[in-house]
Amino acid sequence: MDFWLYFRCSVDPRARRALKRNGGTIRGMEVRMGAAQNTVVVDLGPLRQRVEERVKSGSYASADEVVRAGLLALEREEADTNEWLTQLAEEALADPRPSVPAEQIFRELRAIHGR
């Protein structure tokens, strides 16, 4: 179970034992537990140490909290990116200038870069 981070929203010790009995495999766990709804098994690889460091430092109470915080940060980042891309698209669509044909753009780029 060294390479697996196991967490469950309700932190069920029976689920941990089931995972350990089945060699830490996702499939074995699903068979034993009937694919519990709130169970997630993640192979963090080299990120595992960083999760453990955050828990040891006291910044987070558990690996669950670290993973939740990471997912929330990812959602915020994706929302910001989507908002920025939507704004760019709206600005481009609202631009009253006529479109420039792709052929002209490529011709100008070839002239600048010599290809």
PDB file of N, CA and C in Angstrom:
ATOM      1  N   MET A   1       0.820  -1.190   0.000  1.00  0.00           N
ATOM      2  CA  MET A   1       0.000   0.000   0.000  1.00  0.00           C
ATOM      3  C   MET A   1       0.867   1.257   0.000  1.00  0.00           C
ATOM      4  N   ASP A   2       2.180   1.108  -0.121  1.00  0.00           N
ATOM      5  CA  ASP A   2       3.092   2.242  -0.089  1.00  0.00           C
ATOM      6  C   ASP A   2       2.812   3.281  -1.151  1.00  0.00           C
ATOM      7  N   PHE A   3       2.454   2.866  -2.353  1.00  0.00           N
ATOM      8  CA  PHE A   3       2.309   3.809  -3.449  1.00  0.00           C
ATOM      9  C   PHE A   3       0.883   4.308  -3.618  1.00  0.00           C
ATOM     10  N   TRP A   4       0.023   3.928  -2.741  1.00  0.00           N
ATOM     11  CA  TRP A   4      -1.378   4.323  -2.872  1.00  0.00           C
ATOM     12  C   TRP A   4      -1.778   5.224  -1.726  1.00  0.00           C
ATOM     13  N   LEU A   5      -2.441   6.281  -2.066  1.00  0.00           N
ATOM     14  CA  LEU A   5      -3.066   7.111  -1.040  1.00  0.00           C
ATOM     15  C   LEU A   5      -4.523   6.743  -1.053  1.00  0.00           C
ATOM     16  N   TYR A   6      -5.023   6.294   0.064  1.00  0.00           N
ATOM     17  CA  TYR A   6      -6.422   5.929   0.137  1.00  0.00           C
ATOM     18  C   TYR A   6      -7.126   6.963   0.997  1.00  0.00           C
ATOM     19  N   PHE A   7      -8.224   7.431   0.553  1.00  0.00           N
ATOM     20  CA  PHE A   7      -9.038   8.267   1.408  1.00  0.00           C
ATOM     21  C   PHE A   7     -10.499   8.057   1.085  1.00  0.00           C
ATOM     22  N   ARG A   8     -11.317   8.267   2.067  1.00  0.00           N
ATOM     23  CA  ARG A   8     -12.754   8.125   1.929  1.00  0.00           C
ATOM     24  C   ARG A   8     -13.362   9.271   2.718  1.00  0.00           C
ATOM     25  N   CYS A   9     -14.369   9.862   2.178  1.00  0.00           N
ATOM     26  CA  CYS A   9     -14.941  11.048   2.824  1.00  0.00           C
ATOM     27  C   CYS A   9     -15.278  10.772   4.288  1.00  0.00           C
ATOM     28  N   SER A  10     -15.793   9.602   4.584  1.00  0.00           N
ATOM     29  CA  SER A  10     -16.166   9.295   5.964  1.00  0.00           C
ATOM     30  C   SER A  10     -15.044   8.567   6.705  1.00  0.00           C
ATOM     31  N   VAL A  11     -13.911   8.353   6.074  1.00  0.00           N
ATOM     32  CA  VAL A  11     -12.751   7.660   6.638  1.00  0.00           C
ATOM     33  C   VAL A  11     -13.191   6.376   7.342  1.00  0.00           C
ATOM     34  N   ASP A  12     -13.545   5.405   6.559  1.00  0.00           N
ATOM     35  CA  ASP A  12     -14.032   4.117   7.048  1.00  0.00           C
ATOM     36  C   ASP A  12     -12.861   3.149   7.199  1.00  0.00           C
ATOM     37  N   PRO A  13     -12.510   2.733   8.439  1.00  0.00           N
ATOM     38  CA  PRO A  13     -11.377   1.820   8.634  1.00  0.00           C
ATOM     39  C   PRO A  13     -11.588   0.474   7.941  1.00  0.00           C
ATOM     40  N   ARG A  14     -12.837   0.048   7.784  1.00  0.00           N
ATOM     41  CA  ARG A  14     -13.105  -1.222   7.088  1.00  0.00           C
ATOM     42  C   ARG A  14     -12.662  -1.118   5.635  1.00  0.00           C
ATOM     43  N   ALA A  15     -12.848   0.048   5.037  1.00  0.00           N
ATOM     44  CA  ALA A  15     -12.436   0.239   3.648  1.00  0.00           C
ATOM     45  C   ALA A  15     -10.919   0.172   3.532  1.00  0.00           C
ATOM     46  N   ARG A  16     -10.207   0.740   4.510  1.00  0.00           N
ATOM     47  CA  ARG A  16      -8.747   0.675   4.502  1.00  0.00           C
ATOM     48  C   ARG A  16      -8.267  -0.777   4.566  1.00  0.00           C
ATOM     49  N   ARG A  17      -8.870  -1.550   5.464  1.00  0.00           N
ATOM     50  CA  ARG A  17      -8.475  -2.953   5.596  1.00  0.00           C
ATOM     51  C   ARG A  17      -8.777  -3.717   4.318  1.00  0.00           C
ATOM     52  N   ALA A  18      -9.910  -3.418   3.683  1.00  0.00           N
ATOM     53  CA  ALA A  18     -10.268  -4.105   2.439  1.00  0.00           C
ATOM     54  C   ALA A  18      -9.252  -3.786   1.348  1.00  0.00           C
ATOM     55  N   LEU A  19      -8.821  -2.543   1.290  1.00  0.00           N
ATOM     56  CA  LEU A  19      -7.825  -2.150   0.297  1.00  0.00           C
ATOM     57  C   LEU A  19      -6.516  -2.884   0.543  1.00  0.00           C
ATOM     58  N   LYS A  20      -6.098  -2.947   1.803  1.00  0.00           N
ATOM     59  CA  LYS A  20      -4.842  -3.611   2.150  1.00  0.00           C
ATOM     60  C   LYS A  20      -4.914  -5.104   1.835  1.00  0.00           C
ATOM     61  N   ARG A  21      -6.034  -5.750   2.150  1.00  0.00           N
ATOM     62  CA  ARG A  21      -6.196  -7.185   1.881  1.00  0.00           C
ATOM     63  C   ARG A  21      -6.102  -7.494   0.397  1.00  0.00           C
ATOM     64  N   ASN A  22      -6.515  -6.569  -0.430  1.00  0.00           N
ATOM     65  CA  ASN A  22      -6.523  -6.810  -1.868  1.00  0.00           C
ATOM     66  C   ASN A  22      -5.291  -6.243  -2.560  1.00  0.00           C
ATOM     67  N   GLY A  23      -4.232  -6.070  -1.834  1.00  0.00           N
ATOM     68  CA  GLY A  23      -2.970  -5.645  -2.426  1.00  0.00           C
ATOM     69  C   GLY A  23      -2.980  -4.212  -2.920  1.00  0.00           C
ATOM     70  N   GLY A  24      -3.918  -3.409  -2.484  1.00  0.00           N
ATOM     71  CA  GLY A  24      -3.952  -2.010  -2.883  1.00  0.00           C
ATOM     72  C   GLY A  24      -4.470  -1.789  -4.287  1.00  0.00           C
ATOM     73  N   THR A  25      -5.193  -2.763  -4.847  1.00  0.00           N
ATOM     74  CA  THR A  25      -5.696  -2.585  -6.207  1.00  0.00           C
ATOM     75  C   THR A  25      -7.087  -2.000  -6.187  1.00  0.00           C
ATOM     76  N   ILE A  26      -7.362  -1.176  -7.163  1.00  0.00           N
ATOM     77  CA  ILE A  26      -8.678  -0.553  -7.260  1.00  0.00           C
ATOM     78  C   ILE A  26      -9.734  -1.613  -7.505  1.00  0.00           C
ATOM     79  N   ARG A  27      -9.476  -2.522  -8.436  1.00  0.00           N
ATOM     80  CA  ARG A  27     -10.465  -3.542  -8.789  1.00  0.00           C
ATOM     81  C   ARG A  27     -10.800  -4.413  -7.584  1.00  0.00           C
ATOM     82  N   GLY A  28      -9.778  -4.850  -6.858  1.00  0.00           N
ATOM     83  CA  GLY A  28     -10.017  -5.674  -5.681  1.00  0.00           C
ATOM     84  C   GLY A  28     -10.862  -4.946  -4.658  1.00  0.00           C
ATOM     85  N   MET A  29     -10.609  -3.678  -4.513  1.00  0.00           N
ATOM     86  CA  MET A  29     -11.376  -2.890  -3.554  1.00  0.00           C
ATOM     87  C   MET A  29     -12.826  -2.771  -3.998  1.00  0.00           C
ATOM     88  N   GLU A  30     -13.050  -2.550  -5.283  1.00  0.00           N
ATOM     89  CA  GLU A  30     -14.420  -2.430  -5.780  1.00  0.00           C
ATOM     90  C   GLU A  30     -15.192  -3.725  -5.552  1.00  0.00           C
ATOM     91  N   VAL A  31     -14.550  -4.848  -5.783  1.00  0.00           N
ATOM     92  CA  VAL A  31     -15.218  -6.130  -5.589  1.00  0.00           C
ATOM     93  C   VAL A  31     -15.580  -6.310  -4.131  1.00  0.00           C
ATOM     94  N   ARG A  32     -14.627  -6.032  -3.219  1.00  0.00           N
ATOM     95  CA  ARG A  32     -14.864  -6.207  -1.788  1.00  0.00           C
ATOM     96  C   ARG A  32     -15.919  -5.251  -1.247  1.00  0.00           C
ATOM     97  N   MET A  33     -15.878  -3.999  -1.680  1.00  0.00           N
ATOM     98  CA  MET A  33     -16.741  -2.984  -1.082  1.00  0.00           C
ATOM     99  C   MET A  33     -17.975  -2.674  -1.910  1.00  0.00           C
ATOM    100  N   GLY A  34     -18.123  -3.336  -3.040  1.00  0.00           N
ATOM    101  CA  GLY A  34     -19.279  -3.035  -3.874  1.00  0.00           C
ATOM    102  C   GLY A  34     -19.192  -1.639  -4.450  1.00  0.00           C
ATOM    103  N   ALA A  35     -17.988  -1.188  -4.740  1.00  0.00           N
ATOM    104  CA  ALA A  35     -17.747   0.136  -5.333  1.00  0.00           C
ATOM    105  C   ALA A  35     -18.426   1.232  -4.529  1.00  0.00           C
ATOM    106  N   ALA A  36     -18.000   1.409  -3.290  1.00  0.00           N
ATOM    107  CA  ALA A  36     -18.565   2.425  -2.396  1.00  0.00           C
ATOM    108  C   ALA A  36     -18.548   3.786  -3.080  1.00  0.00           C
ATOM    109  N   GLN A  37     -19.586   4.532  -2.895  1.00  0.00           N
ATOM    110  CA  GLN A  37     -19.787   5.785  -3.606  1.00  0.00           C
ATOM    111  C   GLN A  37     -18.731   6.846  -3.303  1.00  0.00           C
ATOM    112  N   ASN A  38     -18.310   6.978  -2.057  1.00  0.00           N
ATOM    113  CA  ASN A  38     -17.383   8.038  -1.676  1.00  0.00           C
ATOM    114  C   ASN A  38     -15.936   7.575  -1.608  1.00  0.00           C
ATOM    115  N   THR A  39     -15.598   6.469  -2.210  1.00  0.00           N
ATOM    116  CA  THR A  39     -14.247   5.936  -2.134  1.00  0.00           C
ATOM    117  C   THR A  39     -13.449   6.333  -3.359  1.00  0.00           C
ATOM    118  N   VAL A  40     -12.242   6.819  -3.111  1.00  0.00           N
ATOM    119  CA  VAL A  40     -11.348   7.182  -4.198  1.00  0.00           C
ATOM    120  C   VAL A  40      -9.964   6.651  -3.847  1.00  0.00           C
ATOM    121  N   VAL A  41      -9.312   6.014  -4.810  1.00  0.00           N
ATOM    122  CA  VAL A  41      -7.944   5.553  -4.624  1.00  0.00           C
ATOM    123  C   VAL A  41      -7.097   6.271  -5.663  1.00  0.00           C
ATOM    124  N   VAL A  42      -6.010   6.890  -5.205  1.00  0.00           N
ATOM    125  CA  VAL A  42      -5.196   7.708  -6.089  1.00  0.00           C
ATOM    126  C   VAL A  42      -3.729   7.310  -5.962  1.00  0.00           C
ATOM    127  N   ASP A  43      -3.049   7.126  -7.084  1.00  0.00           N
ATOM    128  CA  ASP A  43      -1.611   6.910  -7.083  1.00  0.00           C
ATOM    129  C   ASP A  43      -0.968   8.279  -7.265  1.00  0.00           C
ATOM    130  N   LEU A  44      -0.428   8.826  -6.207  1.00  0.00           N
ATOM    131  CA  LEU A  44       0.146  10.167  -6.261  1.00  0.00           C
ATOM    132  C   LEU A  44       1.579  10.187  -6.758  1.00  0.00           C
ATOM    133  N   GLY A  45       2.208   9.036  -6.797  1.00  0.00           N
ATOM    134  CA  GLY A  45       3.594   8.983  -7.252  1.00  0.00           C
ATOM    135  C   GLY A  45       4.453   9.940  -6.445  1.00  0.00           C
ATOM    136  N   PRO A  46       5.235  10.779  -7.118  1.00  0.00           N
ATOM    137  CA  PRO A  46       6.146  11.682  -6.405  1.00  0.00           C
ATOM    138  C   PRO A  46       5.431  12.777  -5.604  1.00  0.00           C
ATOM    139  N   LEU A  47       4.156  12.984  -5.850  1.00  0.00           N
ATOM    140  CA  LEU A  47       3.428  14.025  -5.101  1.00  0.00           C
ATOM    141  C   LEU A  47       3.057  13.569  -3.689  1.00  0.00           C
ATOM    142  N   ARG A  48       3.132  12.276  -3.446  1.00  0.00           N
ATOM    143  CA  ARG A  48       2.748  11.738  -2.136  1.00  0.00           C
ATOM    144  C   ARG A  48       3.539  12.395  -1.012  1.00  0.00           C
ATOM    145  N   GLN A  49       4.846  12.557  -1.217  1.00  0.00           N
ATOM    146  CA  GLN A  49       5.696  13.164  -0.195  1.00  0.00           C
ATOM    147  C   GLN A  49       5.245  14.586   0.108  1.00  0.00           C
ATOM    148  N   ARG A  50       4.847  15.324  -0.908  1.00  0.00           N
ATOM    149  CA  ARG A  50       4.403  16.704  -0.702  1.00  0.00           C
ATOM    150  C   ARG A  50       3.107  16.751   0.098  1.00  0.00           C
ATOM    151  N   VAL A  51       2.224  15.775  -0.134  1.00  0.00           N
ATOM    152  CA  VAL A  51       0.987  15.693   0.647  1.00  0.00           C
ATOM    153  C   VAL A  51       1.333  15.420   2.105  1.00  0.00           C
ATOM    154  N   GLU A  52       2.214  14.448   2.324  1.00  0.00           N
ATOM    155  CA  GLU A  52       2.607  14.096   3.697  1.00  0.00           C
ATOM    156  C   GLU A  52       3.279  15.265   4.408  1.00  0.00           C
ATOM    157  N   GLU A  53       4.090  16.041   3.693  1.00  0.00           N
ATOM    158  CA  GLU A  53       4.750  17.209   4.287  1.00  0.00           C
ATOM    159  C   GLU A  53       3.729  18.232   4.755  1.00  0.00           C
ATOM    160  N   ARG A  54       2.690  18.436   3.960  1.00  0.00           N
ATOM    161  CA  ARG A  54       1.662  19.415   4.339  1.00  0.00           C
ATOM    162  C   ARG A  54       0.893  18.960   5.575  1.00  0.00           C
ATOM    163  N   VAL A  55       0.651  17.668   5.674  1.00  0.00           N
ATOM    164  CA  VAL A  55      -0.040  17.144   6.855  1.00  0.00           C
ATOM    165  C   VAL A  55       0.877  17.249   8.067  1.00  0.00           C
ATOM    166  N   LYS A  56       2.151  16.863   7.920  1.00  0.00           N
ATOM    167  CA  LYS A  56       3.112  16.934   9.035  1.00  0.00           C
ATOM    168  C   LYS A  56       3.291  18.348   9.547  1.00  0.00           C
ATOM    169  N   SER A  57       3.285  19.325   8.631  1.00  0.00           N
ATOM    170  CA  SER A  57       3.505  20.712   9.037  1.00  0.00           C
ATOM    171  C   SER A  57       2.324  21.279   9.819  1.00  0.00           C
ATOM    172  N   GLY A  58       1.195  20.588   9.756  1.00  0.00           N
ATOM    173  CA  GLY A  58       0.014  21.066  10.463  1.00  0.00           C
ATOM    174  C   GLY A  58      -0.872  21.961   9.611  1.00  0.00           C
ATOM    175  N   SER A  59      -0.471  22.203   8.371  1.00  0.00           N
ATOM    176  CA  SER A  59      -1.287  23.040   7.487  1.00  0.00           C
ATOM    177  C   SER A  59      -2.623  22.374   7.181  1.00  0.00           C
ATOM    178  N   TYR A  60      -2.616  21.041   7.165  1.00  0.00           N
ATOM    179  CA  TYR A  60      -3.827  20.269   6.894  1.00  0.00           C
ATOM    180  C   TYR A  60      -3.906  19.142   7.906  1.00  0.00           C
ATOM    181  N   ALA A  61      -5.125  18.761   8.262  1.00  0.00           N
ATOM    182  CA  ALA A  61      -5.321  17.700   9.243  1.00  0.00           C
ATOM    183  C   ALA A  61      -5.143  16.316   8.647  1.00  0.00           C
ATOM    184  N   SER A  62      -5.370  16.177   7.344  1.00  0.00           N
ATOM    185  CA  SER A  62      -5.291  14.856   6.725  1.00  0.00           C
ATOM    186  C   SER A  62      -4.991  14.990   5.236  1.00  0.00           C
ATOM    187  N   ALA A  63      -4.663  13.849   4.632  1.00  0.00           N
ATOM    188  CA  ALA A  63      -4.440  13.823   3.193  1.00  0.00           C
ATOM    189  C   ALA A  63      -5.723  14.195   2.454  1.00  0.00           C
ATOM    190  N   ASP A  64      -6.877  13.834   3.029  1.00  0.00           N
ATOM    191  CA  ASP A  64      -8.165  14.197   2.431  1.00  0.00           C
ATOM    192  C   ASP A  64      -8.250  15.703   2.212  1.00  0.00           C
ATOM    193  N   GLU A  65      -7.872  16.448   3.257  1.00  0.00           N
ATOM    194  CA  GLU A  65      -7.953  17.908   3.171  1.00  0.00           C
ATOM    195  C   GLU A  65      -7.007  18.461   2.111  1.00  0.00           C
ATOM    196  N   VAL A  66      -5.819  17.885   2.001  1.00  0.00           N
ATOM    197  CA  VAL A  66      -4.853  18.348   0.999  1.00  0.00           C
ATOM    198  C   VAL A  66      -5.426  18.134  -0.399  1.00  0.00           C
ATOM    199  N   VAL A  67      -5.981  16.949  -0.636  1.00  0.00           N
ATOM    200  CA  VAL A  67      -6.530  16.646  -1.960  1.00  0.00           C
ATOM    201  C   VAL A  67      -7.735  17.534  -2.252  1.00  0.00           C
ATOM    202  N   ARG A  68      -8.616  17.727  -1.269  1.00  0.00           N
ATOM    203  CA  ARG A  68      -9.773  18.612  -1.468  1.00  0.00           C
ATOM    204  C   ARG A  68      -9.327  20.024  -1.812  1.00  0.00           C
ATOM    205  N   ALA A  69      -8.333  20.539  -1.063  1.00  0.00           N
ATOM    206  CA  ALA A  69      -7.831  21.888  -1.317  1.00  0.00           C
ATOM    207  C   ALA A  69      -7.239  21.986  -2.720  1.00  0.00           C
ATOM    208  N   GLY A  70      -6.524  20.946  -3.134  1.00  0.00           N
ATOM    209  CA  GLY A  70      -5.952  20.942  -4.481  1.00  0.00           C
ATOM    210  C   GLY A  70      -7.020  20.966  -5.555  1.00  0.00           C
ATOM    211  N   LEU A  71      -8.086  20.180  -5.358  1.00  0.00           N
ATOM    212  CA  LEU A  71      -9.172  20.159  -6.339  1.00  0.00           C
ATOM    213  C   LEU A  71      -9.913  21.487  -6.385  1.00  0.00           C
ATOM    214  N   LEU A  72     -10.121  22.091  -5.214  1.00  0.00           N
ATOM    215  CA  LEU A  72     -10.784  23.399  -5.195  1.00  0.00           C
ATOM    216  C   LEU A  72      -9.928  24.453  -5.891  1.00  0.00           C
ATOM    217  N   ALA A  73      -8.611  24.402  -5.686  1.00  0.00           N
ATOM    218  CA  ALA A  73      -7.719  25.348  -6.360  1.00  0.00           C
ATOM    219  C   ALA A  73      -7.755  25.139  -7.868  1.00  0.00           C
ATOM    220  N   LEU A  74      -7.801  23.888  -8.298  1.00  0.00           N
ATOM    221  CA  LEU A  74      -7.881  23.584  -9.725  1.00  0.00           C
ATOM    222  C   LEU A  74      -9.186  24.115 -10.316  1.00  0.00           C
ATOM    223  N   GLU A  75     -10.281  23.940  -9.586  1.00  0.00           N
ATOM    224  CA  GLU A  75     -11.570  24.456 -10.071  1.00  0.00           C
ATOM    225  C   GLU A  75     -11.541  25.973 -10.213  1.00  0.00           C
ATOM    226  N   ARG A  76     -10.926  26.655  -9.233  1.00  0.00           N
ATOM    227  CA  ARG A  76     -10.818  28.123  -9.324  1.00  0.00           C
ATOM    228  C   ARG A  76      -9.976  28.530 -10.529  1.00  0.00           C
ATOM    229  N   GLU A  77      -8.862  27.839 -10.722  1.00  0.00           N
ATOM    230  CA  GLU A  77      -7.983  28.154 -11.855  1.00  0.00           C
ATOM    231  C   GLU A  77      -8.690  27.925 -13.181  1.00  0.00           C
ATOM    232  N   GLU A  78      -9.409  26.811 -13.291  1.00  0.00           N
ATOM    233  CA  GLU A  78     -10.143  26.529 -14.530  1.00  0.00           C
ATOM    234  C   GLU A  78     -11.245  27.551 -14.770  1.00  0.00           C
ATOM    235  N   ALA A  79     -11.937  27.961 -13.716  1.00  0.00           N
ATOM    236  CA  ALA A  79     -12.992  28.964 -13.851  1.00  0.00           C
ATOM    237  C   ALA A  79     -12.411  30.287 -14.324  1.00  0.00           C
ATOM    238  N   ASP A  80     -11.268  30.684 -13.747  1.00  0.00           N
ATOM    239  CA  ASP A  80     -10.611  31.931 -14.168  1.00  0.00           C
ATOM    240  C   ASP A  80     -10.182  31.862 -15.628  1.00  0.00           C
ATOM    241  N   THR A  81      -9.609  30.718 -16.023  1.00  0.00           N
ATOM    242  CA  THR A  81      -9.166  30.545 -17.410  1.00  0.00           C
ATOM    243  C   THR A  81     -10.347  30.592 -18.360  1.00  0.00           C
ATOM    244  N   ASN A  82     -11.431  29.910 -18.004  1.00  0.00           N
ATOM    245  CA  ASN A  82     -12.626  29.910 -18.856  1.00  0.00           C
ATOM    246  C   ASN A  82     -13.211  31.319 -18.986  1.00  0.00           C
ATOM    247  N   GLU A  83     -13.217  32.053 -17.888  1.00  0.00           N
ATOM    248  CA  GLU A  83     -13.728  33.428 -17.916  1.00  0.00           C
ATOM    249  C   GLU A  83     -12.864  34.285 -18.840  1.00  0.00           C
ATOM    250  N   TRP A  84     -11.532  34.140 -18.738  1.00  0.00           N
ATOM    251  CA  TRP A  84     -10.610  34.905 -19.576  1.00  0.00           C
ATOM    252  C   TRP A  84     -10.796  34.552 -21.054  1.00  0.00           C
ATOM    253  N   LEU A  85     -10.911  33.247 -21.365  1.00  0.00           N
ATOM    254  CA  LEU A  85     -11.096  32.830 -22.758  1.00  0.00           C
ATOM    255  C   LEU A  85     -12.438  33.307 -23.313  1.00  0.00           C
ATOM    256  N   THR A  86     -13.467  33.260 -22.499  1.00  0.00           N
ATOM    257  CA  THR A  86     -14.785  33.745 -22.922  1.00  0.00           C
ATOM    258  C   THR A  86     -14.717  35.238 -23.223  1.00  0.00           C
ATOM    259  N   GLN A  87     -14.028  35.980 -22.372  1.00  0.00           N
ATOM    260  CA  GLN A  87     -13.882  37.425 -22.583  1.00  0.00           C
ATOM    261  C   GLN A  87     -13.126  37.697 -23.888  1.00  0.00           C
ATOM    262  N   LEU A  88     -12.044  36.950 -24.138  1.00  0.00           N
ATOM    263  CA  LEU A  88     -11.295  37.135 -25.390  1.00  0.00           C
ATOM    264  C   LEU A  88     -12.162  36.845 -26.605  1.00  0.00           C
ATOM    265  N   ALA A  89     -12.940  35.770 -26.533  1.00  0.00           N
ATOM    266  CA  ALA A  89     -13.805  35.401 -27.659  1.00  0.00           C
ATOM    267  C   ALA A  89     -14.863  36.475 -27.888  1.00  0.00           C
ATOM    268  N   GLU A  90     -15.467  36.978 -26.811  1.00  0.00           N
ATOM    269  CA  GLU A  90     -16.485  38.016 -26.946  1.00  0.00           C
ATOM    270  C   GLU A  90     -15.897  39.293 -27.547  1.00  0.00           C
ATOM    271  N   GLU A  91     -14.682  39.658 -27.108  1.00  0.00           N
ATOM    272  CA  GLU A  91     -14.026  40.836 -27.661  1.00  0.00           C
ATOM    273  C   GLU A  91     -13.730  40.653 -29.146  1.00  0.00           C
ATOM    274  N   ALA A  92     -13.271  39.458 -29.508  1.00  0.00           N
ATOM    275  CA  ALA A  92     -12.958  39.196 -30.914  1.00  0.00           C
ATOM    276  C   ALA A  92     -14.218  39.248 -31.771  1.00  0.00           C
ATOM    277  N   LEU A  93     -15.298  38.691 -31.263  1.00  0.00           N
ATOM    278  CA  LEU A  93     -16.555  38.700 -32.016  1.00  0.00           C
ATOM    279  C   LEU A  93     -17.151  40.094 -32.121  1.00  0.00           C
ATOM    280  N   ALA A  94     -16.903  40.934 -31.111  1.00  0.00           N
ATOM    281  CA  ALA A  94     -17.449  42.294 -31.118  1.00  0.00           C
ATOM    282  C   ALA A  94     -16.573  43.274 -31.900  1.00  0.00           C
ATOM    283  N   ASP A  95     -15.392  42.856 -32.310  1.00  0.00           N
ATOM    284  CA  ASP A  95     -14.467  43.726 -33.036  1.00  0.00           C
ATOM    285  C   ASP A  95     -15.084  44.085 -34.395  1.00  0.00           C
ATOM    286  N   PRO A  96     -15.288  45.394 -34.667  1.00  0.00           N
ATOM    287  CA  PRO A  96     -15.939  45.803 -35.915  1.00  0.00           C
ATOM    288  C   PRO A  96     -15.026  45.732 -37.142  1.00  0.00           C
ATOM    289  N   ARG A  97     -13.721  45.571 -36.936  1.00  0.00           N
ATOM    290  CA  ARG A  97     -12.805  45.526 -38.081  1.00  0.00           C
ATOM    291  C   ARG A  97     -13.066  44.272 -38.917  1.00  0.00           C
ATOM    292  N   PRO A  98     -12.842  44.365 -40.224  1.00  0.00           N
ATOM    293  CA  PRO A  98     -13.052  43.189 -41.082  1.00  0.00           C
ATOM    294  C   PRO A  98     -12.014  42.108 -40.787  1.00  0.00           C
ATOM    295  N   SER A  99     -12.404  40.866 -41.019  1.00  0.00           N
ATOM    296  CA  SER A  99     -11.492  39.741 -40.820  1.00  0.00           C
ATOM    297  C   SER A  99     -10.381  39.786 -41.860  1.00  0.00           C
ATOM    298  N   VAL A 100      -9.218  39.303 -41.485  1.00  0.00           N
ATOM    299  CA  VAL A 100      -8.087  39.231 -42.406  1.00  0.00           C
ATOM    300  C   VAL A 100      -7.987  37.784 -42.868  1.00  0.00           C
ATOM    301  N   PRO A 101      -7.964  37.554 -44.184  1.00  0.00           N
ATOM    302  CA  PRO A 101      -7.875  36.183 -44.688  1.00  0.00           C
ATOM    303  C   PRO A 101      -6.594  35.483 -44.207  1.00  0.00           C
ATOM    304  N   ALA A 102      -6.685  34.208 -43.909  1.00  0.00           N
ATOM    305  CA  ALA A 102      -5.548  33.428 -43.423  1.00  0.00           C
ATOM    306  C   ALA A 102      -4.399  33.453 -44.424  1.00  0.00           C
ATOM    307  N   GLU A 103      -4.722  33.406 -45.716  1.00  0.00           N
ATOM    308  CA  GLU A 103      -3.669  33.429 -46.750  1.00  0.00           C
ATOM    309  C   GLU A 103      -2.804  34.677 -46.622  1.00  0.00           C
ATOM    310  N   GLN A 104      -3.432  35.805 -46.368  1.00  0.00           N
ATOM    311  CA  GLN A 104      -2.691  37.060 -46.226  1.00  0.00           C
ATOM    312  C   GLN A 104      -1.793  37.013 -44.992  1.00  0.00           C
ATOM    313  N   ILE A 105      -2.304  36.498 -43.909  1.00  0.00           N
ATOM    314  CA  ILE A 105      -1.525  36.398 -42.667  1.00  0.00           C
ATOM    315  C   ILE A 105      -0.294  35.528 -42.891  1.00  0.00           C
ATOM    316  N   PHE A 106      -0.491  34.345 -43.513  1.00  0.00           N
ATOM    317  CA  PHE A 106       0.627  33.442 -43.758  1.00  0.00           C
ATOM    318  C   PHE A 106       1.649  34.061 -44.725  1.00  0.00           C
ATOM    319  N   ARG A 107       1.173  34.772 -45.700  1.00  0.00           N
ATOM    320  CA  ARG A 107       2.066  35.447 -46.646  1.00  0.00           C
ATOM    321  C   ARG A 107       2.951  36.453 -45.891  1.00  0.00           C
ATOM    322  N   GLU A 108       2.342  37.235 -45.011  1.00  0.00           N
ATOM    323  CA  GLU A 108       3.086  38.222 -44.227  1.00  0.00           C
ATOM    324  C   GLU A 108       4.075  37.552 -43.274  1.00  0.00           C
ATOM    325  N   LEU A 109       3.666  36.450 -42.657  1.00  0.00           N
ATOM    326  CA  LEU A 109       4.568  35.730 -41.759  1.00  0.00           C
ATOM    327  C   LEU A 109       5.768  35.142 -42.511  1.00  0.00           C
ATOM    328  N   ARG A 110       5.512  34.605 -43.705  1.00  0.00           N
ATOM    329  CA  ARG A 110       6.614  34.051 -44.513  1.00  0.00           C
ATOM    330  C   ARG A 110       7.593  35.166 -44.916  1.00  0.00           C
ATOM    331  N   ALA A 111       7.049  36.342 -45.237  1.00  0.00           N
ATOM    332  CA  ALA A 111       7.906  37.463 -45.610  1.00  0.00           C
ATOM    333  C   ALA A 111       8.777  37.898 -44.428  1.00  0.00           C
ATOM    334  N   ILE A 112       8.218  37.886 -43.243  1.00  0.00           N
ATOM    335  CA  ILE A 112       8.964  38.306 -42.049  1.00  0.00           C
ATOM    336  C   ILE A 112      10.012  37.270 -41.675  1.00  0.00           C
ATOM    337  N   HIS A 113       9.627  36.000 -41.708  1.00  0.00           N
ATOM    338  CA  HIS A 113      10.500  34.932 -41.224  1.00  0.00           C
ATOM    339  C   HIS A 113      11.276  34.237 -42.345  1.00  0.00           C
ATOM    340  N   GLY A 114      11.093  34.630 -43.575  1.00  0.00           N
ATOM    341  CA  GLY A 114      11.877  34.142 -44.678  1.00  0.00           C
ATOM    342  C   GLY A 114      11.638  32.699 -45.079  1.00  0.00           C
ATOM    343  N   ARG A 115      10.461  32.219 -44.961  1.00  0.00           N
ATOM    344  CA  ARG A 115      10.178  30.841 -45.384  1.00  0.00           C
ATOM    345  C   ARG A 115       9.241  30.813 -46.543  1.00  0.00           C
TER     346      ARG A 115
END
